[in-house]
């Protein structure tokens, strides 16, 4: 069997670009499904991060011999300090959409080269 005959018998599922496209599209669907819960969870994670960051800053102040600040009195609303997310979900969606577009373009290019069956 020649290489040309073997290539013409390749199915769509034989292409790694097809699987890359499929996984990227499933990632986009998953991001769409988890978006509401992600925002709630990310708000909690980032709130703890900001609290630990403030505590670390206070430890540095105290070790430098400066007047200690009561963190409870200096606390502000998280939305004032950080109105948006530190890690927004759109960055993951953009990466997945870019991967889907690239895989789709390469799959189209690959399929265009193959002779009809």
PDB file of N, CA and C in Angstrom:
ATOM      1  N   UNK A   1       0.861  -1.182   0.000  1.00  0.00           N
ATOM      2  CA  UNK A   1       0.000   0.000   0.000  1.00  0.00           C
ATOM      3  C   UNK A   1       0.904   1.241   0.000  1.00  0.00           C
ATOM      4  N   UNK A   2       0.638   2.161  -0.869  1.00  0.00           N
ATOM      5  CA  UNK A   2       1.473   3.357  -0.972  1.00  0.00           C
ATOM      6  C   UNK A   2       1.051   4.384   0.083  1.00  0.00           C
ATOM      7  N   UNK A   3       1.930   5.396   0.266  1.00  0.00           N
ATOM      8  CA  UNK A   3       1.646   6.453   1.239  1.00  0.00           C
ATOM      9  C   UNK A   3       0.452   7.286   0.823  1.00  0.00           C
ATOM     10  N   UNK A   4       0.264   7.503  -0.470  1.00  0.00           N
ATOM     11  CA  UNK A   4      -0.867   8.301  -0.958  1.00  0.00           C
ATOM     12  C   UNK A   4      -2.184   7.617  -0.636  1.00  0.00           C
ATOM     13  N   UNK A   5      -2.230   6.287  -0.784  1.00  0.00           N
ATOM     14  CA  UNK A   5      -3.450   5.544  -0.460  1.00  0.00           C
ATOM     15  C   UNK A   5      -3.706   5.577   1.039  1.00  0.00           C
ATOM     16  N   UNK A   6      -2.652   5.459   1.816  1.00  0.00           N
ATOM     17  CA  UNK A   6      -2.806   5.495   3.274  1.00  0.00           C
ATOM     18  C   UNK A   6      -3.285   6.868   3.718  1.00  0.00           C
ATOM     19  N   UNK A   7      -2.764   7.936   3.103  1.00  0.00           N
ATOM     20  CA  UNK A   7      -3.186   9.280   3.474  1.00  0.00           C
ATOM     21  C   UNK A   7      -4.637   9.538   3.116  1.00  0.00           C
ATOM     22  N   UNK A   8      -5.087   9.002   1.994  1.00  0.00           N
ATOM     23  CA  UNK A   8      -6.467   9.262   1.569  1.00  0.00           C
ATOM     24  C   UNK A   8      -7.469   8.537   2.449  1.00  0.00           C
ATOM     25  N   UNK A   9      -7.024   7.532   3.160  1.00  0.00           N
ATOM     26  CA  UNK A   9      -7.939   6.781   4.035  1.00  0.00           C
ATOM     27  C   UNK A   9      -7.967   7.334   5.459  1.00  0.00           C
ATOM     28  N   UNK A  10      -7.198   8.369   5.715  1.00  0.00           N
ATOM     29  CA  UNK A  10      -7.191   8.933   7.065  1.00  0.00           C
ATOM     30  C   UNK A  10      -8.536   9.566   7.370  1.00  0.00           C
ATOM     31  N   UNK A  11      -9.026   9.305   8.535  1.00  0.00           N
ATOM     32  CA  UNK A  11     -10.284   9.908   8.955  1.00  0.00           C
ATOM     33  C   UNK A  11      -9.996  11.179   9.739  1.00  0.00           C
ATOM     34  N   UNK A  12     -11.045  11.911  10.008  1.00  0.00           N
ATOM     35  CA  UNK A  12     -10.910  13.155  10.756  1.00  0.00           C
ATOM     36  C   UNK A  12     -10.342  12.896  12.147  1.00  0.00           C
ATOM     37  N   UNK A  13     -10.730  11.791  12.760  1.00  0.00           N
ATOM     38  CA  UNK A  13     -10.282  11.469  14.118  1.00  0.00           C
ATOM     39  C   UNK A  13      -8.809  11.079  14.174  1.00  0.00           C
ATOM     40  N   UNK A  14      -8.175  10.842  13.030  1.00  0.00           N
ATOM     41  CA  UNK A  14      -6.747  10.521  13.015  1.00  0.00           C
ATOM     42  C   UNK A  14      -5.873  11.750  13.183  1.00  0.00           C
ATOM     43  N   UNK A  15      -6.440  12.922  13.022  1.00  0.00           N
ATOM     44  CA  UNK A  15      -5.657  14.143  13.082  1.00  0.00           C
ATOM     45  C   UNK A  15      -5.500  14.631  14.524  1.00  0.00           C
ATOM     46  N   UNK A  16      -4.282  14.952  14.947  1.00  0.00           N
ATOM     47  CA  UNK A  16      -4.109  15.524  16.286  1.00  0.00           C
ATOM     48  C   UNK A  16      -4.737  16.917  16.389  1.00  0.00           C
ATOM     49  N   UNK A  17      -4.863  17.626  15.260  1.00  0.00           N
ATOM     50  CA  UNK A  17      -5.488  18.951  15.269  1.00  0.00           C
ATOM     51  C   UNK A  17      -6.971  18.843  15.595  1.00  0.00           C
ATOM     52  N   UNK A  18      -7.598  17.768  15.163  1.00  0.00           N
ATOM     53  CA  UNK A  18      -9.008  17.547  15.506  1.00  0.00           C
ATOM     54  C   UNK A  18      -9.171  17.409  17.009  1.00  0.00           C
ATOM     55  N   UNK A  19      -8.294  16.624  17.620  1.00  0.00           N
ATOM     56  CA  UNK A  19      -8.398  16.412  19.064  1.00  0.00           C
ATOM     57  C   UNK A  19      -8.051  17.674  19.844  1.00  0.00           C
ATOM     58  N   UNK A  20      -7.077  18.426  19.343  1.00  0.00           N
ATOM     59  CA  UNK A  20      -6.767  19.706  19.975  1.00  0.00           C
ATOM     60  C   UNK A  20      -7.955  20.654  19.909  1.00  0.00           C
ATOM     61  N   UNK A  21      -8.607  20.706  18.743  1.00  0.00           N
ATOM     62  CA  UNK A  21      -9.801  21.541  18.583  1.00  0.00           C
ATOM     63  C   UNK A  21     -10.914  21.078  19.517  1.00  0.00           C
ATOM     64  N   UNK A  22     -11.117  19.782  19.584  1.00  0.00           N
ATOM     65  CA  UNK A  22     -12.167  19.236  20.447  1.00  0.00           C
ATOM     66  C   UNK A  22     -11.911  19.567  21.919  1.00  0.00           C
ATOM     67  N   UNK A  23     -10.689  19.380  22.382  1.00  0.00           N
ATOM     68  CA  UNK A  23     -10.365  19.675  23.781  1.00  0.00           C
ATOM     69  C   UNK A  23     -10.468  21.162  24.082  1.00  0.00           C
ATOM     70  N   UNK A  24     -10.032  22.007  23.147  1.00  0.00           N
ATOM     71  CA  UNK A  24     -10.128  23.451  23.362  1.00  0.00           C
ATOM     72  C   UNK A  24     -11.590  23.898  23.428  1.00  0.00           C
ATOM     73  N   UNK A  25     -12.439  23.326  22.585  1.00  0.00           N
ATOM     74  CA  UNK A  25     -13.861  23.676  22.626  1.00  0.00           C
ATOM     75  C   UNK A  25     -14.523  23.172  23.908  1.00  0.00           C
ATOM     76  N   UNK A  26     -14.113  22.000  24.374  1.00  0.00           N
ATOM     77  CA  UNK A  26     -14.652  21.492  25.641  1.00  0.00           C
ATOM     78  C   UNK A  26     -14.183  22.363  26.810  1.00  0.00           C
ATOM     79  N   UNK A  27     -12.965  22.870  26.722  1.00  0.00           N
ATOM     80  CA  UNK A  27     -12.476  23.785  27.758  1.00  0.00           C
ATOM     81  C   UNK A  27     -13.310  25.059  27.778  1.00  0.00           C
ATOM     82  N   UNK A  28     -13.645  25.582  26.603  1.00  0.00           N
ATOM     83  CA  UNK A  28     -14.508  26.768  26.546  1.00  0.00           C
ATOM     84  C   UNK A  28     -15.881  26.484  27.146  1.00  0.00           C
ATOM     85  N   UNK A  29     -16.435  25.315  26.844  1.00  0.00           N
ATOM     86  CA  UNK A  29     -17.729  24.951  27.420  1.00  0.00           C
ATOM     87  C   UNK A  29     -17.624  24.826  28.939  1.00  0.00           C
ATOM     88  N   UNK A  30     -16.544  24.218  29.422  1.00  0.00           N
ATOM     89  CA  UNK A  30     -16.341  24.088  30.864  1.00  0.00           C
ATOM     90  C   UNK A  30     -16.186  25.441  31.544  1.00  0.00           C
ATOM     91  N   UNK A  31     -15.461  26.341  30.900  1.00  0.00           N
ATOM     92  CA  UNK A  31     -15.300  27.689  31.463  1.00  0.00           C
ATOM     93  C   UNK A  31     -16.648  28.386  31.548  1.00  0.00           C
ATOM     94  N   UNK A  32     -17.462  28.220  30.514  1.00  0.00           N
ATOM     95  CA  UNK A  32     -18.801  28.818  30.539  1.00  0.00           C
ATOM     96  C   UNK A  32     -19.663  28.254  31.661  1.00  0.00           C
ATOM     97  N   UNK A  33     -19.507  26.964  31.948  1.00  0.00           N
ATOM     98  CA  UNK A  33     -20.308  26.343  33.000  1.00  0.00           C
ATOM     99  C   UNK A  33     -19.850  26.730  34.405  1.00  0.00           C
ATOM    100  N   UNK A  34     -18.545  26.892  34.602  1.00  0.00           N
ATOM    101  CA  UNK A  34     -18.049  27.169  35.955  1.00  0.00           C
ATOM    102  C   UNK A  34     -17.934  28.648  36.261  1.00  0.00           C
ATOM    103  N   UNK A  35     -18.178  29.520  35.293  1.00  0.00           N
ATOM    104  CA  UNK A  35     -17.953  30.958  35.486  1.00  0.00           C
ATOM    105  C   UNK A  35     -18.630  31.527  36.737  1.00  0.00           C
ATOM    106  N   UNK A  36     -19.915  31.240  36.995  1.00  0.00           N
ATOM    107  CA  UNK A  36     -20.529  31.837  38.193  1.00  0.00           C
ATOM    108  C   UNK A  36     -19.877  31.373  39.502  1.00  0.00           C
ATOM    109  N   UNK A  37     -19.581  30.090  39.607  1.00  0.00           N
ATOM    110  CA  UNK A  37     -18.968  29.583  40.833  1.00  0.00           C
ATOM    111  C   UNK A  37     -17.508  30.011  40.942  1.00  0.00           C
ATOM    112  N   UNK A  38     -16.835  30.152  39.808  1.00  0.00           N
ATOM    113  CA  UNK A  38     -15.439  30.583  39.814  1.00  0.00           C
ATOM    114  C   UNK A  38     -15.310  31.965  40.427  1.00  0.00           C
ATOM    115  N   UNK A  39     -16.215  32.867  40.084  1.00  0.00           N
ATOM    116  CA  UNK A  39     -16.122  34.230  40.605  1.00  0.00           C
ATOM    117  C   UNK A  39     -16.253  34.249  42.128  1.00  0.00           C
ATOM    118  N   UNK A  40     -17.171  33.471  42.656  1.00  0.00           N
ATOM    119  CA  UNK A  40     -17.354  33.400  44.117  1.00  0.00           C
ATOM    120  C   UNK A  40     -16.106  32.823  44.776  1.00  0.00           C
ATOM    121  N   UNK A  41     -15.608  31.730  44.248  1.00  0.00           N
ATOM    122  CA  UNK A  41     -14.432  31.071  44.819  1.00  0.00           C
ATOM    123  C   UNK A  41     -13.187  31.958  44.683  1.00  0.00           C
ATOM    124  N   UNK A  42     -13.026  32.580  43.535  1.00  0.00           N
ATOM    125  CA  UNK A  42     -11.858  33.426  43.320  1.00  0.00           C
ATOM    126  C   UNK A  42     -11.874  34.635  44.238  1.00  0.00           C
ATOM    127  N   UNK A  43     -13.070  35.170  44.522  1.00  0.00           N
ATOM    128  CA  UNK A  43     -13.181  36.297  45.458  1.00  0.00           C
ATOM    129  C   UNK A  43     -12.673  35.887  46.844  1.00  0.00           C
ATOM    130  N   UNK A  44     -13.011  34.667  47.284  1.00  0.00           N
ATOM    131  CA  UNK A  44     -12.553  34.180  48.585  1.00  0.00           C
ATOM    132  C   UNK A  44     -11.040  33.982  48.595  1.00  0.00           C
ATOM    133  N   UNK A  45     -10.515  33.359  47.546  1.00  0.00           N
ATOM    134  CA  UNK A  45      -9.076  33.089  47.472  1.00  0.00           C
ATOM    135  C   UNK A  45      -8.292  34.394  47.449  1.00  0.00           C
ATOM    136  N   UNK A  46      -8.752  35.344  46.641  1.00  0.00           N
ATOM    137  CA  UNK A  46      -8.043  36.614  46.556  1.00  0.00           C
ATOM    138  C   UNK A  46      -8.173  37.432  47.833  1.00  0.00           C
ATOM    139  N   UNK A  47      -9.298  37.297  48.546  1.00  0.00           N
ATOM    140  CA  UNK A  47      -9.442  37.983  49.833  1.00  0.00           C
ATOM    141  C   UNK A  47      -8.443  37.464  50.850  1.00  0.00           C
ATOM    142  N   UNK A  48      -8.261  36.135  50.864  1.00  0.00           N
ATOM    143  CA  UNK A  48      -7.259  35.561  51.773  1.00  0.00           C
ATOM    144  C   UNK A  48      -5.851  35.995  51.378  1.00  0.00           C
ATOM    145  N   UNK A  49      -5.599  36.045  50.073  1.00  0.00           N
ATOM    146  CA  UNK A  49      -4.288  36.499  49.593  1.00  0.00           C
ATOM    147  C   UNK A  49      -4.022  37.933  50.030  1.00  0.00           C
ATOM    148  N   UNK A  50      -4.987  38.808  49.864  1.00  0.00           N
ATOM    149  CA  UNK A  50      -4.801  40.206  50.261  1.00  0.00           C
ATOM    150  C   UNK A  50      -4.607  40.334  51.768  1.00  0.00           C
ATOM    151  N   UNK A  51      -5.303  39.499  52.539  1.00  0.00           N
ATOM    152  CA  UNK A  51      -5.120  39.501  53.995  1.00  0.00           C
ATOM    153  C   UNK A  51      -3.731  39.049  54.392  1.00  0.00           C
ATOM    154  N   UNK A  52      -3.238  37.978  53.762  1.00  0.00           N
ATOM    155  CA  UNK A  52      -1.876  37.507  54.054  1.00  0.00           C
ATOM    156  C   UNK A  52      -0.835  38.533  53.626  1.00  0.00           C
ATOM    157  N   UNK A  53      -1.113  39.209  52.528  1.00  0.00           N
ATOM    158  CA  UNK A  53      -0.185  40.244  52.057  1.00  0.00           C
ATOM    159  C   UNK A  53      -0.132  41.407  53.054  1.00  0.00           C
ATOM    160  N   UNK A  54      -1.280  41.811  53.575  1.00  0.00           N
ATOM    161  CA  UNK A  54      -1.306  42.887  54.572  1.00  0.00           C
ATOM    162  C   UNK A  54      -0.596  42.454  55.856  1.00  0.00           C
ATOM    163  N   UNK A  55      -0.781  41.197  56.269  1.00  0.00           N
ATOM    164  CA  UNK A  55      -0.096  40.698  57.466  1.00  0.00           C
ATOM    165  C   UNK A  55       1.415  40.655  57.260  1.00  0.00           C
ATOM    166  N   UNK A  56       1.847  40.263  56.073  1.00  0.00           N
ATOM    167  CA  UNK A  56       3.285  40.244  55.791  1.00  0.00           C
ATOM    168  C   UNK A  56       3.857  41.659  55.800  1.00  0.00           C
ATOM    169  N   UNK A  57       3.119  42.610  55.238  1.00  0.00           N
ATOM    170  CA  UNK A  57       3.561  44.006  55.266  1.00  0.00           C
ATOM    171  C   UNK A  57       3.673  44.512  56.703  1.00  0.00           C
ATOM    172  N   UNK A  58       2.742  44.102  57.539  1.00  0.00           N
ATOM    173  CA  UNK A  58       2.768  44.530  58.944  1.00  0.00           C
ATOM    174  C   UNK A  58       3.955  43.900  59.673  1.00  0.00           C
ATOM    175  N   UNK A  59       4.275  42.644  59.379  1.00  0.00           N
ATOM    176  CA  UNK A  59       5.452  42.015  59.995  1.00  0.00           C
ATOM    177  C   UNK A  59       6.726  42.756  59.596  1.00  0.00           C
ATOM    178  N   UNK A  60       6.810  43.170  58.340  1.00  0.00           N
ATOM    179  CA  UNK A  60       7.981  43.925  57.877  1.00  0.00           C
ATOM    180  C   UNK A  60       8.051  45.261  58.600  1.00  0.00           C
ATOM    181  N   UNK A  61       6.902  45.929  58.775  1.00  0.00           N
ATOM    182  CA  UNK A  61       6.877  47.212  59.494  1.00  0.00           C
ATOM    183  C   UNK A  61       7.371  47.029  60.927  1.00  0.00           C
ATOM    184  N   UNK A  62       6.882  45.994  61.582  1.00  0.00           N
ATOM    185  CA  UNK A  62       7.269  45.785  62.982  1.00  0.00           C
ATOM    186  C   UNK A  62       8.744  45.414  63.105  1.00  0.00           C
ATOM    187  N   UNK A  63       9.241  44.600  62.165  1.00  0.00           N
ATOM    188  CA  UNK A  63      10.660  44.220  62.231  1.00  0.00           C
ATOM    189  C   UNK A  63      11.567  45.411  61.939  1.00  0.00           C
ATOM    190  N   UNK A  64      11.056  46.403  61.216  1.00  0.00           N
ATOM    191  CA  UNK A  64      11.836  47.611  60.935  1.00  0.00           C
ATOM    192  C   UNK A  64      11.764  48.600  62.090  1.00  0.00           C
ATOM    193  N   UNK A  65      10.973  48.282  63.114  1.00  0.00           N
ATOM    194  CA  UNK A  65      10.879  49.140  64.285  1.00  0.00           C
ATOM    195  C   UNK A  65       9.853  50.252  64.152  1.00  0.00           C
ATOM    196  N   UNK A  66       8.992  50.166  63.158  1.00  0.00           N
ATOM    197  CA  UNK A  66       7.953  51.184  62.992  1.00  0.00           C
ATOM    198  C   UNK A  66       6.774  50.903  63.918  1.00  0.00           C
ATOM    199  N   UNK A  67       5.930  51.886  64.079  1.00  0.00           N
ATOM    200  CA  UNK A  67       4.753  51.769  64.940  1.00  0.00           C
ATOM    201  C   UNK A  67       3.815  50.693  64.368  1.00  0.00           C
ATOM    202  N   UNK A  68       3.393  49.736  65.190  1.00  0.00           N
ATOM    203  CA  UNK A  68       2.479  48.701  64.692  1.00  0.00           C
ATOM    204  C   UNK A  68       1.107  49.287  64.338  1.00  0.00           C
ATOM    205  N   UNK A  69       0.508  48.724  63.326  1.00  0.00           N
ATOM    206  CA  UNK A  69      -0.829  49.127  62.881  1.00  0.00           C
ATOM    207  C   UNK A  69      -1.770  47.960  63.138  1.00  0.00           C
ATOM    208  N   UNK A  70      -2.920  48.240  63.713  1.00  0.00           N
ATOM    209  CA  UNK A  70      -3.922  47.201  63.950  1.00  0.00           C
ATOM    210  C   UNK A  70      -4.593  46.884  62.607  1.00  0.00           C
ATOM    211  N   UNK A  71      -4.429  45.655  62.146  1.00  0.00           N
ATOM    212  CA  UNK A  71      -4.955  45.278  60.837  1.00  0.00           C
ATOM    213  C   UNK A  71      -6.481  45.315  60.798  1.00  0.00           C
ATOM    214  N   UNK A  72      -7.120  45.061  61.926  1.00  0.00           N
ATOM    215  CA  UNK A  72      -8.583  45.105  61.960  1.00  0.00           C
ATOM    216  C   UNK A  72      -9.088  46.534  61.762  1.00  0.00           C
ATOM    217  N   UNK A  73      -8.375  47.501  62.331  1.00  0.00           N
ATOM    218  CA  UNK A  73      -8.786  48.901  62.151  1.00  0.00           C
ATOM    219  C   UNK A  73      -8.461  49.406  60.749  1.00  0.00           C
ATOM    220  N   UNK A  74      -7.400  48.903  60.167  1.00  0.00           N
ATOM    221  CA  UNK A  74      -6.979  49.357  58.842  1.00  0.00           C
ATOM    222  C   UNK A  74      -7.679  48.607  57.715  1.00  0.00           C
ATOM    223  N   UNK A  75      -8.506  47.626  58.057  1.00  0.00           N
ATOM    224  CA  UNK A  75      -9.168  46.817  57.025  1.00  0.00           C
ATOM    225  C   UNK A  75     -10.164  47.660  56.241  1.00  0.00           C
ATOM    226  N   UNK A  76     -10.190  47.388  54.932  1.00  0.00           N
ATOM    227  CA  UNK A  76     -11.132  48.053  54.040  1.00  0.00           C
ATOM    228  C   UNK A  76     -11.897  46.990  53.272  1.00  0.00           C
ATOM    229  N   UNK A  77     -12.953  47.408  52.635  1.00  0.00           N
ATOM    230  CA  UNK A  77     -13.750  46.490  51.825  1.00  0.00           C
ATOM    231  C   UNK A  77     -12.900  45.984  50.657  1.00  0.00           C
ATOM    232  N   UNK A  78     -12.983  44.698  50.393  1.00  0.00           N
ATOM    233  CA  UNK A  78     -12.179  44.111  49.321  1.00  0.00           C
ATOM    234  C   UNK A  78     -12.462  44.750  47.967  1.00  0.00           C
ATOM    235  N   UNK A  79     -13.715  45.115  47.724  1.00  0.00           N
ATOM    236  CA  UNK A  79     -14.070  45.695  46.427  1.00  0.00           C
ATOM    237  C   UNK A  79     -13.468  47.079  46.243  1.00  0.00           C
ATOM    238  N   UNK A  80     -13.190  47.787  47.340  1.00  0.00           N
ATOM    239  CA  UNK A  80     -12.500  49.073  47.235  1.00  0.00           C
ATOM    240  C   UNK A  80     -11.034  48.864  46.892  1.00  0.00           C
ATOM    241  N   UNK A  81     -10.426  47.890  47.544  1.00  0.00           N
ATOM    242  CA  UNK A  81      -9.007  47.626  47.349  1.00  0.00           C
ATOM    243  C   UNK A  81      -8.759  46.981  45.985  1.00  0.00           C
ATOM    244  N   UNK A  82      -9.540  45.980  45.650  1.00  0.00           N
ATOM    245  CA  UNK A  82      -9.351  45.208  44.426  1.00  0.00           C
ATOM    246  C   UNK A  82     -10.719  45.026  43.761  1.00  0.00           C
ATOM    247  N   UNK A  83     -11.162  45.997  42.938  1.00  0.00           N
ATOM    248  CA  UNK A  83     -12.497  45.900  42.356  1.00  0.00           C
ATOM    249  C   UNK A  83     -12.652  44.736  41.377  1.00  0.00           C
ATOM    250  N   UNK A  84     -11.603  44.385  40.645  1.00  0.00           N
ATOM    251  CA  UNK A  84     -11.657  43.265  39.703  1.00  0.00           C
ATOM    252  C   UNK A  84     -10.897  42.084  40.264  1.00  0.00           C
ATOM    253  N   UNK A  85     -10.901  41.010  39.540  1.00  0.00           N
ATOM    254  CA  UNK A  85     -10.159  39.825  39.963  1.00  0.00           C
ATOM    255  C   UNK A  85      -8.684  39.984  39.622  1.00  0.00           C
ATOM    256  N   UNK A  86      -7.822  39.413  40.444  1.00  0.00           N
ATOM    257  CA  UNK A  86      -6.402  39.380  40.143  1.00  0.00           C
ATOM    258  C   UNK A  86      -6.173  38.459  38.948  1.00  0.00           C
ATOM    259  N   UNK A  87      -6.852  37.321  38.951  1.00  0.00           N
ATOM    260  CA  UNK A  87      -6.791  36.375  37.833  1.00  0.00           C
ATOM    261  C   UNK A  87      -8.198  36.272  37.249  1.00  0.00           C
ATOM    262  N   UNK A  88      -8.510  37.068  36.224  1.00  0.00           N
ATOM    263  CA  UNK A  88      -9.857  37.006  35.646  1.00  0.00           C
ATOM    264  C   UNK A  88     -10.039  35.763  34.773  1.00  0.00           C
ATOM    265  N   UNK A  89     -11.262  35.322  34.674  1.00  0.00           N
ATOM    266  CA  UNK A  89     -11.575  34.107  33.920  1.00  0.00           C
ATOM    267  C   UNK A  89     -11.436  34.313  32.419  1.00  0.00           C
ATOM    268  N   UNK A  90     -11.558  35.541  31.952  1.00  0.00           N
ATOM    269  CA  UNK A  90     -11.482  35.766  30.518  1.00  0.00           C
ATOM    270  C   UNK A  90     -10.106  35.412  29.966  1.00  0.00           C
ATOM    271  N   UNK A  91      -9.061  35.436  30.810  1.00  0.00           N
ATOM    272  CA  UNK A  91      -7.731  35.072  30.312  1.00  0.00           C
ATOM    273  C   UNK A  91      -7.684  33.596  29.924  1.00  0.00           C
ATOM    274  N   UNK A  92      -8.312  32.745  30.732  1.00  0.00           N
ATOM    275  CA  UNK A  92      -8.384  31.323  30.394  1.00  0.00           C
ATOM    276  C   UNK A  92      -9.244  31.100  29.157  1.00  0.00           C
ATOM    277  N   UNK A  93     -10.360  31.830  29.072  1.00  0.00           N
ATOM    278  CA  UNK A  93     -11.243  31.697  27.916  1.00  0.00           C
ATOM    279  C   UNK A  93     -10.534  32.160  26.644  1.00  0.00           C
ATOM    280  N   UNK A  94      -9.777  33.231  26.727  1.00  0.00           N
ATOM    281  CA  UNK A  94      -9.045  33.726  25.561  1.00  0.00           C
ATOM    282  C   UNK A  94      -7.983  32.725  25.116  1.00  0.00           C
ATOM    283  N   UNK A  95      -7.297  32.138  26.064  1.00  0.00           N
ATOM    284  CA  UNK A  95      -6.291  31.123  25.722  1.00  0.00           C
ATOM    285  C   UNK A  95      -6.915  29.911  25.060  1.00  0.00           C
ATOM    286  N   UNK A  96      -8.041  29.469  25.589  1.00  0.00           N
ATOM    287  CA  UNK A  96      -8.724  28.320  25.012  1.00  0.00           C
ATOM    288  C   UNK A  96      -9.295  28.646  23.634  1.00  0.00           C
ATOM    289  N   UNK A  97      -9.840  29.845  23.473  1.00  0.00           N
ATOM    290  CA  UNK A  97     -10.369  30.246  22.167  1.00  0.00           C
ATOM    291  C   UNK A  97      -9.240  30.370  21.146  1.00  0.00           C
ATOM    292  N   UNK A  98      -8.092  30.868  21.572  1.00  0.00           N
ATOM    293  CA  UNK A  98      -6.941  30.960  20.666  1.00  0.00           C
ATOM    294  C   UNK A  98      -6.473  29.574  20.239  1.00  0.00           C
ATOM    295  N   UNK A  99      -6.430  28.651  21.193  1.00  0.00           N
ATOM    296  CA  UNK A  99      -6.036  27.279  20.866  1.00  0.00           C
ATOM    297  C   UNK A  99      -7.040  26.647  19.911  1.00  0.00           C
ATOM    298  N   UNK A 100      -8.328  26.892  20.134  1.00  0.00           N
ATOM    299  CA  UNK A 100      -9.355  26.343  19.243  1.00  0.00           C
ATOM    300  C   UNK A 100      -9.218  26.925  17.843  1.00  0.00           C
ATOM    301  N   UNK A 101      -8.972  28.213  17.730  1.00  0.00           N
ATOM    302  CA  UNK A 101      -8.810  28.842  16.415  1.00  0.00           C
ATOM    303  C   UNK A 101      -7.573  28.299  15.700  1.00  0.00           C
ATOM    304  N   UNK A 102      -6.470  28.166  16.422  1.00  0.00           N
ATOM    305  CA  UNK A 102      -5.247  27.649  15.810  1.00  0.00           C
ATOM    306  C   UNK A 102      -5.421  26.202  15.362  1.00  0.00           C
ATOM    307  N   UNK A 103      -6.015  25.383  16.204  1.00  0.00           N
ATOM    308  CA  UNK A 103      -6.235  23.975  15.845  1.00  0.00           C
ATOM    309  C   UNK A 103      -7.222  23.867  14.686  1.00  0.00           C
ATOM    310  N   UNK A 104      -8.251  24.688  14.687  1.00  0.00           N
ATOM    311  CA  UNK A 104      -9.207  24.678  13.581  1.00  0.00           C
ATOM    312  C   UNK A 104      -8.564  25.074  12.267  1.00  0.00           C
ATOM    313  N   UNK A 105      -7.703  26.090  12.306  1.00  0.00           N
ATOM    314  CA  UNK A 105      -7.006  26.526  11.093  1.00  0.00           C
ATOM    315  C   UNK A 105      -6.058  25.433  10.590  1.00  0.00           C
ATOM    316  N   UNK A 106      -5.333  24.808  11.497  1.00  0.00           N
ATOM    317  CA  UNK A 106      -4.414  23.753  11.076  1.00  0.00           C
ATOM    318  C   UNK A 106      -5.172  22.523  10.576  1.00  0.00           C
ATOM    319  N   UNK A 107      -6.305  22.215  11.193  1.00  0.00           N
ATOM    320  CA  UNK A 107      -7.113  21.090  10.722  1.00  0.00           C
ATOM    321  C   UNK A 107      -7.651  21.378   9.329  1.00  0.00           C
ATOM    322  N   UNK A 108      -8.113  22.580   9.088  1.00  0.00           N
ATOM    323  CA  UNK A 108      -8.616  22.955   7.767  1.00  0.00           C
ATOM    324  C   UNK A 108      -7.489  22.864   6.736  1.00  0.00           C
ATOM    325  N   UNK A 109      -6.319  23.345   7.104  1.00  0.00           N
ATOM    326  CA  UNK A 109      -5.169  23.305   6.206  1.00  0.00           C
ATOM    327  C   UNK A 109      -4.785  21.860   5.885  1.00  0.00           C
ATOM    328  N   UNK A 110      -4.797  21.019   6.902  1.00  0.00           N
ATOM    329  CA  UNK A 110      -4.450  19.611   6.705  1.00  0.00           C
ATOM    330  C   UNK A 110      -5.479  18.910   5.825  1.00  0.00           C
ATOM    331  N   UNK A 111      -6.743  19.158   6.052  1.00  0.00           N
ATOM    332  CA  UNK A 111      -7.807  18.492   5.291  1.00  0.00           C
ATOM    333  C   UNK A 111      -7.845  19.010   3.854  1.00  0.00           C
ATOM    334  N   UNK A 112      -7.453  20.241   3.639  1.00  0.00           N
ATOM    335  CA  UNK A 112      -7.465  20.810   2.298  1.00  0.00           C
ATOM    336  C   UNK A 112      -6.411  20.143   1.418  1.00  0.00           C
ATOM    337  N   UNK A 113      -5.308  19.729   2.021  1.00  0.00           N
ATOM    338  CA  UNK A 113      -4.211  19.090   1.278  1.00  0.00           C
ATOM    339  C   UNK A 113      -4.537  17.669   0.850  1.00  0.00           C
ATOM    340  N   UNK A 114      -5.394  16.997   1.601  1.00  0.00           N
ATOM    341  CA  UNK A 114      -5.673  15.586   1.293  1.00  0.00           C
ATOM    342  C   UNK A 114      -6.550  15.474   0.050  1.00  0.00           C
ATOM    343  N   UNK A 115      -6.282  14.520  -0.815  1.00  0.00           N
ATOM    344  CA  UNK A 115      -7.156  14.322  -1.961  1.00  0.00           C
ATOM    345  C   UNK A 115      -8.476  13.719  -1.515  1.00  0.00           C
ATOM    346  N   UNK A 116      -9.553  13.965  -2.248  1.00  0.00           N
ATOM    347  CA  UNK A 116     -10.857  13.405  -1.852  1.00  0.00           C
ATOM    348  C   UNK A 116     -10.819  11.869  -1.880  1.00  0.00           C
ATOM    349  N   UNK A 117     -11.608  11.276  -1.019  1.00  0.00           N
ATOM    350  CA  UNK A 117     -11.635   9.808  -0.895  1.00  0.00           C
ATOM    351  C   UNK A 117     -12.400   9.193  -2.028  1.00  0.00           C
TER     352      UNK A 117
END
